C-alpha atoms as a PDB file:
ATOM      1  CA  MET A   1     -39.041  42.144 203.948  1.00  0.00           C
ATOM      2  CA  ALA A   2     -39.570  44.797 201.411  1.00  0.00           C
ATOM      3  CA  GLU A   3     -35.882  45.089 201.121  1.00  0.00           C
ATOM      4  CA  GLU A   4     -35.500  41.358 200.639  1.00  0.00           C
ATOM      5  CA  LYS A   5     -38.063  41.505 197.872  1.00  0.00           C
ATOM      6  CA  LYS A   6     -36.163  44.340 196.275  1.00  0.00           C
ATOM      7  CA  GLU A   7     -32.966  42.380 196.404  1.00  0.00           C
ATOM      8  CA  ASP A   8     -34.664  39.296 195.044  1.00  0.00           C
ATOM      9  CA  LEU A   9     -36.139  41.417 192.315  1.00  0.00           C
ATOM     10  CA  LYS A  10     -32.719  42.901 191.565  1.00  0.00           C
ATOM     11  CA  GLU A  11     -31.187  39.474 191.452  1.00  0.00           C
ATOM     12  CA  THR A  12     -33.947  38.261 189.181  1.00  0.00           C
ATOM     13  CA  VAL A  13     -33.561  41.271 186.925  1.00  0.00           C
ATOM     14  CA  SER A  14     -29.812  40.903 186.890  1.00  0.00           C
ATOM     15  CA  GLU A  15     -30.177  37.166 186.168  1.00  0.00           C
ATOM     16  CA  GLU A  16     -32.550  37.966 183.325  1.00  0.00           C
ATOM     17  CA  GLU A  17     -30.199  40.645 182.037  1.00  0.00           C
ATOM     18  CA  THR A  18     -27.351  38.150 182.248  1.00  0.00           C
ATOM     19  CA  LYS A  19     -29.464  35.615 180.393  1.00  0.00           C
ATOM     20  CA  ASP A  20     -30.392  38.194 177.803  1.00  0.00           C
ATOM     21  CA  GLU A  21     -26.757  39.204 177.428  1.00  0.00           C
ATOM     22  CA  ALA A  22     -25.752  35.534 177.205  1.00  0.00           C
ATOM     23  CA  GLU A  23     -28.406  34.928 174.589  1.00  0.00           C
ATOM     24  CA  GLU A  24     -27.264  37.995 172.715  1.00  0.00           C
ATOM     25  CA  LEU A  25     -23.679  36.768 172.910  1.00  0.00           C
ATOM     26  CA  VAL A  26     -24.734  33.336 171.730  1.00  0.00           C
ATOM     27  CA  GLU A  27     -26.765  34.917 168.949  1.00  0.00           C
ATOM     28  CA  GLY A  28     -23.829  37.210 168.190  1.00  0.00           C
ATOM     29  CA  SER A  29     -21.437  34.309 168.060  1.00  0.00           C
ATOM     30  CA  VAL A  30     -23.880  32.370 165.920  1.00  0.00           C
ATOM     31  CA  SER A  31     -24.241  35.337 163.585  1.00  0.00           C
ATOM     32  CA  GLU A  32     -20.446  35.744 163.597  1.00  0.00           C
ATOM     33  CA  ASP A  33     -20.147  32.025 162.688  1.00  0.00           C
ATOM     34  CA  GLU A  34     -22.770  32.538 160.014  1.00  0.00           C
ATOM     35  CA  THR A  35     -20.932  35.669 158.833  1.00  0.00           C
ATOM     36  CA  GLU A  36     -17.658  33.726 158.705  1.00  0.00           C
ATOM     37  CA  ASP A  37     -19.371  30.967 156.709  1.00  0.00           C
ATOM     38  CA  ASP A  38     -20.880  33.567 154.406  1.00  0.00           C
ATOM     39  CA  LEU A  39     -17.475  35.206 154.029  1.00  0.00           C
ATOM     40  CA  GLU A  40     -15.863  31.868 153.307  1.00  0.00           C
ATOM     41  CA  GLU A  41     -18.533  31.120 150.726  1.00  0.00           C
ATOM     42  CA  GLU A  42     -18.054  34.579 149.167  1.00  0.00           C
ATOM     43  CA  VAL A  43     -14.280  34.086 149.100  1.00  0.00           C
ATOM     44  CA  VAL A  44     -14.715  30.670 147.499  1.00  0.00           C
ATOM     45  CA  GLU A  45     -17.156  32.168 144.998  1.00  0.00           C
ATOM     46  CA  ASP A  46     -14.704  35.019 144.322  1.00  0.00           C
ATOM     47  CA  LEU A  47     -11.893  32.475 143.886  1.00  0.00           C
ATOM     48  CA  ASN A  48     -14.073  30.438 141.558  1.00  0.00           C
ATOM     49  CA  GLU A  49     -14.939  33.587 139.626  1.00  0.00           C
ATOM     50  CA  ASP A  50     -11.240  34.573 139.522  1.00  0.00           C
ATOM     51  CA  SER A  51     -10.229  31.120 138.318  1.00  0.00           C
ATOM     52  CA  GLU A  52     -13.026  31.248 135.713  1.00  0.00           C
ATOM     53  CA  ILE A  53     -11.809  34.685 134.613  1.00  0.00           C
ATOM     54  CA  ASP A  54      -8.233  33.386 134.437  1.00  0.00           C
ATOM     55  CA  ARG A  55      -9.384  30.392 132.409  1.00  0.00           C
ATOM     56  CA  LEU A  56     -11.350  32.628 130.050  1.00  0.00           C
ATOM     57  CA  LEU A  57      -8.409  35.010 129.668  1.00  0.00           C
ATOM     58  CA  LYS A  58      -6.145  32.103 128.807  1.00  0.00           C
ATOM     59  CA  GLU A  59      -8.701  30.894 126.295  1.00  0.00           C
ATOM     60  CA  VAL A  60      -8.868  34.366 124.751  1.00  0.00           C
ATOM     61  CA  ASP A  61      -5.060  34.489 124.522  1.00  0.00           C
ATOM     62  CA  ARG A  62      -4.999  31.045 122.889  1.00  0.00           C
ATOM     63  CA  LEU A  63      -7.658  32.018 120.383  1.00  0.00           C
ATOM     64  CA  LYS A  64      -5.876  35.282 119.592  1.00  0.00           C
ATOM     65  CA  ASN A  65      -2.671  33.328 119.010  1.00  0.00           C
ATOM     66  CA  GLU A  66      -4.475  30.848 116.743  1.00  0.00           C
ATOM     67  CA  TYR A  67      -6.072  33.735 114.847  1.00  0.00           C
ATOM     68  CA  ALA A  68      -2.714  35.476 114.381  1.00  0.00           C
ATOM     69  CA  ARG A  69      -1.147  32.250 113.099  1.00  0.00           C
ATOM     70  CA  ALA A  70      -4.044  31.598 110.715  1.00  0.00           C
ATOM     71  CA  TYR A  71      -3.871  35.181 109.469  1.00  0.00           C
ATOM     72  CA  ALA A  72      -0.097  34.929 108.928  1.00  0.00           C
ATOM     73  CA  ASP A  73      -0.517  31.603 107.097  1.00  0.00           C
ATOM     74  CA  THR A  74      -3.197  33.161 104.896  1.00  0.00           C
ATOM     75  CA  GLU A  75      -0.995  36.157 104.111  1.00  0.00           C
ATOM     76  CA  ASN A  76       1.970  33.897 103.306  1.00  0.00           C
ATOM     77  CA  LEU A  77      -0.210  31.779 101.041  1.00  0.00           C
ATOM     78  CA  LYS A  78      -1.527  34.908  99.348  1.00  0.00           C
ATOM     79  CA  LYS A  79       2.025  36.212  98.757  1.00  0.00           C
ATOM     80  CA  ARG A  80       3.207  32.836  97.481  1.00  0.00           C
ATOM     81  CA  LEU A  81       0.268  32.528  95.092  1.00  0.00           C
ATOM     82  CA  MET A  82       0.788  36.067  93.834  1.00  0.00           C
ATOM     83  CA  ALA A  83       4.475  35.353  93.255  1.00  0.00           C
ATOM     84  CA  GLU A  84       3.622  32.127  91.418  1.00  0.00           C
ATOM     85  CA  ALA A  85       1.046  33.968  89.295  1.00  0.00           C
ATOM     86  CA  GLU A  86       3.619  36.652  88.502  1.00  0.00           C
ATOM     87  CA  GLN A  87       6.179  34.000  87.541  1.00  0.00           C
ATOM     88  CA  THR A  88       3.603  32.253  85.364  1.00  0.00           C
ATOM     89  CA  ARG A  89       2.640  35.531  83.716  1.00  0.00           C
ATOM     90  CA  LYS A  90       6.269  36.571  83.267  1.00  0.00           C
ATOM     91  CA  TYR A  91       7.400  33.315  81.668  1.00  0.00           C
ATOM     92  CA  ARG A  92       4.149  32.201  79.994  1.00  0.00           C
ATOM     93  CA  ILE A  93       5.781  32.129  76.552  1.00  0.00           C
ATOM     94  CA  GLN A  94       8.800  30.061  77.627  1.00  0.00           C
ATOM     95  CA  SER A  95       7.704  26.672  76.239  1.00  0.00           C
ATOM     96  CA  PHE A  96       6.432  28.243  72.997  1.00  0.00           C
ATOM     97  CA  ALA A  97       9.638  30.209  72.544  1.00  0.00           C
ATOM     98  CA  ARG A  98      11.766  27.075  73.021  1.00  0.00           C
ATOM     99  CA  GLU A  99       9.768  25.288  70.356  1.00  0.00           C
ATOM    100  CA  ILE A 100       9.966  28.204  67.909  1.00  0.00           C
ATOM    101  CA  LEU A 101      13.778  28.608  68.150  1.00  0.00           C
ATOM    102  CA  PRO A 102      14.496  25.836  65.602  1.00  0.00           C
ATOM    103  CA  VAL A 103      12.088  27.582  63.180  1.00  0.00           C
ATOM    104  CA  ILE A 104      14.072  30.789  63.595  1.00  0.00           C
ATOM    105  CA  ASP A 105      17.297  28.859  62.944  1.00  0.00           C
ATOM    106  CA  ASN A 106      15.811  27.451  59.726  1.00  0.00           C
ATOM    107  CA  LEU A 107      14.643  30.878  58.602  1.00  0.00           C
ATOM    108  CA  GLU A 108      18.176  32.245  59.228  1.00  0.00           C
ATOM    109  CA  ARG A 109      19.646  29.415  57.175  1.00  0.00           C
ATOM    110  CA  ALA A 110      17.174  30.101  54.363  1.00  0.00           C
ATOM    111  CA  LEU A 111      18.123  33.786  54.398  1.00  0.00           C
ATOM    112  CA  ALA A 112      21.833  32.952  54.340  1.00  0.00           C
ATOM    113  CA  THR A 113      21.587  30.978  51.096  1.00  0.00           C
ATOM    114  CA  ASP A 114      22.108  32.636  47.735  1.00  0.00           C
ATOM    115  CA  VAL A 115      19.055  32.751  45.504  1.00  0.00           C
ATOM    116  CA  HIS A 116      18.536  33.593  41.855  1.00  0.00           C
ATOM    117  CA  GLU A 117      17.131  36.936  40.934  1.00  0.00           C
ATOM    118  CA  SER A 118      13.806  35.350  40.114  1.00  0.00           C
ATOM    119  CA  ASP A 119      13.510  34.083  43.710  1.00  0.00           C
ATOM    120  CA  GLU A 120      14.426  37.456  45.265  1.00  0.00           C
ATOM    121  CA  SER A 121      10.775  38.207  46.136  1.00  0.00           C
ATOM    122  CA  PHE A 122      10.539  34.823  47.848  1.00  0.00           C
ATOM    123  CA  LYS A 123      13.631  35.671  49.947  1.00  0.00           C
ATOM    124  CA  LYS A 124      12.111  39.061  50.764  1.00  0.00           C
ATOM    125  CA  GLY A 125       8.948  37.310  52.024  1.00  0.00           C
ATOM    126  CA  VAL A 126      11.042  34.987  54.223  1.00  0.00           C
ATOM    127  CA  GLN A 127      12.908  38.035  55.553  1.00  0.00           C
ATOM    128  CA  MET A 128       9.647  39.764  56.443  1.00  0.00           C
ATOM    129  CA  THR A 129       8.370  36.624  58.198  1.00  0.00           C
ATOM    130  CA  TYR A 130      11.652  36.334  60.118  1.00  0.00           C
ATOM    131  CA  ASP A 131      11.548  40.012  61.155  1.00  0.00           C
ATOM    132  CA  GLN A 132       7.941  39.760  62.373  1.00  0.00           C
ATOM    133  CA  LEU A 133       8.677  36.612  64.352  1.00  0.00           C
ATOM    134  CA  ILE A 134      11.747  38.183  65.986  1.00  0.00           C
ATOM    135  CA  ALA A 135       9.751  41.366  66.785  1.00  0.00           C
ATOM    136  CA  ALA A 136       6.944  39.330  68.363  1.00  0.00           C
ATOM    137  CA  LEU A 137       9.427  37.379  70.513  1.00  0.00           C
ATOM    138  CA  LYS A 138      11.205  40.601  71.475  1.00  0.00           C
ATOM    139  CA  ASN A 139       7.878  42.055  72.657  1.00  0.00           C
ATOM    140  CA  GLU A 140       7.546  39.055  74.983  1.00  0.00           C
ATOM    141  CA  GLY A 141      11.060  39.547  76.364  1.00  0.00           C
ATOM    142  CA  VAL A 142      12.985  37.052  74.215  1.00  0.00           C
ATOM    143  CA  GLU A 143      16.445  38.406  73.321  1.00  0.00           C
ATOM    144  CA  VAL A 144      19.448  37.033  71.451  1.00  0.00           C
ATOM    145  CA  ILE A 145      22.485  36.473  73.679  1.00  0.00           C
ATOM    146  CA  ASP A 146      25.131  38.868  72.386  1.00  0.00           C
ATOM    147  CA  CYS A 147      28.443  37.175  73.031  1.00  0.00           C
ATOM    148  CA  LEU A 148      30.636  37.615  69.927  1.00  0.00           C
ATOM    149  CA  ASN A 149      34.106  39.040  70.754  1.00  0.00           C
ATOM    150  CA  LYS A 150      33.288  39.002  74.469  1.00  0.00           C
ATOM    151  CA  PRO A 151      34.764  36.852  77.246  1.00  0.00           C
ATOM    152  CA  PHE A 152      33.288  33.359  77.414  1.00  0.00           C
ATOM    153  CA  ASP A 153      30.527  33.053  80.040  1.00  0.00           C
ATOM    154  CA  PRO A 154      29.674  29.425  80.870  1.00  0.00           C
ATOM    155  CA  ASN A 155      26.330  30.570  82.305  1.00  0.00           C
ATOM    156  CA  LEU A 156      25.193  31.843  78.899  1.00  0.00           C
ATOM    157  CA  GLU A 157      27.284  29.937  76.386  1.00  0.00           C
ATOM    158  CA  GLN A 158      28.348  26.416  75.623  1.00  0.00           C
ATOM    159  CA  ALA A 159      31.863  26.058  74.181  1.00  0.00           C
ATOM    160  CA  ILE A 160      31.826  23.542  71.328  1.00  0.00           C
ATOM    161  CA  MET A 161      35.250  24.251  69.906  1.00  0.00           C
ATOM    162  CA  GLN A 162      38.470  26.039  70.743  1.00  0.00           C
ATOM    163  CA  GLU A 163      40.786  27.669  68.251  1.00  0.00           C
ATOM    164  CA  LYS A 164      44.128  29.302  68.720  1.00  0.00           C
ATOM    165  CA  LYS A 165      44.136  32.946  67.565  1.00  0.00           C
ATOM    166  CA  GLU A 166      47.279  35.042  67.699  1.00  0.00           C
ATOM    167  CA  ASP A 167      45.598  38.414  67.899  1.00  0.00           C
ATOM    168  CA  MET A 168      43.010  37.399  70.597  1.00  0.00           C
ATOM    169  CA  ASP A 169      43.248  36.841  74.306  1.00  0.00           C
ATOM    170  CA  PRO A 170      42.320  33.344  75.467  1.00  0.00           C
ATOM    171  CA  GLY A 171      38.694  32.744  76.502  1.00  0.00           C
ATOM    172  CA  ILE A 172      37.121  35.140  73.984  1.00  0.00           C
ATOM    173  CA  VAL A 173      34.150  34.032  71.867  1.00  0.00           C
ATOM    174  CA  ILE A 174      35.367  34.159  68.248  1.00  0.00           C
ATOM    175  CA  GLU A 175      32.419  32.560  66.460  1.00  0.00           C
ATOM    176  CA  ILE A 176      28.761  31.801  67.198  1.00  0.00           C
ATOM    177  CA  LEU A 177      27.780  28.388  65.852  1.00  0.00           C
ATOM    178  CA  GLN A 178      24.185  28.596  67.091  1.00  0.00           C
ATOM    179  CA  LYS A 179      22.523  31.666  68.603  1.00  0.00           C
ATOM    180  CA  GLY A 180      21.503  31.594  72.217  1.00  0.00           C
ATOM    181  CA  TYR A 181      18.333  33.189  73.535  1.00  0.00           C
ATOM    182  CA  MET A 182      17.138  34.532  76.862  1.00  0.00           C
ATOM    183  CA  LEU A 183      13.611  35.121  78.117  1.00  0.00           C
ATOM    184  CA  LYS A 184      13.921  38.114  80.420  1.00  0.00           C
ATOM    185  CA  ASP A 185      16.414  36.764  83.005  1.00  0.00           C
ATOM    186  CA  ARG A 186      16.165  33.063  82.105  1.00  0.00           C
ATOM    187  CA  ILE A 187      18.158  31.224  79.489  1.00  0.00           C
ATOM    188  CA  LEU A 188      15.999  29.608  76.826  1.00  0.00           C
ATOM    189  CA  ARG A 189      18.941  28.132  75.005  1.00  0.00           C
ATOM    190  CA  PRO A 190      22.648  28.702  75.560  1.00  0.00           C
ATOM    191  CA  ALA A 191      24.702  29.954  72.606  1.00  0.00           C
ATOM    192  CA  MET A 192      26.979  27.334  71.022  1.00  0.00           C
ATOM    193  CA  VAL A 193      30.294  29.056  70.425  1.00  0.00           C
ATOM    194  CA  LYS A 194      33.915  28.713  69.369  1.00  0.00           C
ATOM    195  CA  VAL A 195      36.355  30.120  71.922  1.00  0.00           C
ATOM    196  CA  SER A 196      39.946  31.306  71.476  1.00  0.00           C
ATOM    197  CA  GLU A 197      42.734  29.428  73.288  1.00  0.00           C
END
């Protein structure tokens, strides 16, 4: 009987151990399931974080691109405005110079006429006025187009007449009928000329 009790006790203990092991296994599998769920949640969170990071990186790239374009547009505008200001400064006298050219023509005509000796001081005053006006225009970059006895250039001159000259090659400016003027590299007025045939 004592042996039967021992065996019953062993069986009971082994049943309890088996139950405990089974419970542990069930708990282990539950904790493994929980761990898998936790891992899945962490992976999903990591994926969400990665997608958020990707989205933010794309947004940063887009904003950098927009900034670079805006900066380039601003620099181009700045350059264009500076060029326009330089052009305005360079040719600021253009309209005034065009309007003053007929006055210069009239002064030249007045100086070309013969005067009596009593009017010589008057002619000298006109000459001084003419010289000052030409000097002021020269300081602003206005120059007379020098074309006499040079080949005809349709960019700078306007041929009004042609004349046959034996001792000249054809296409040479033989007379200036009206002076032409340039403002730096722009033509204010083309020279009106007579050209050899």
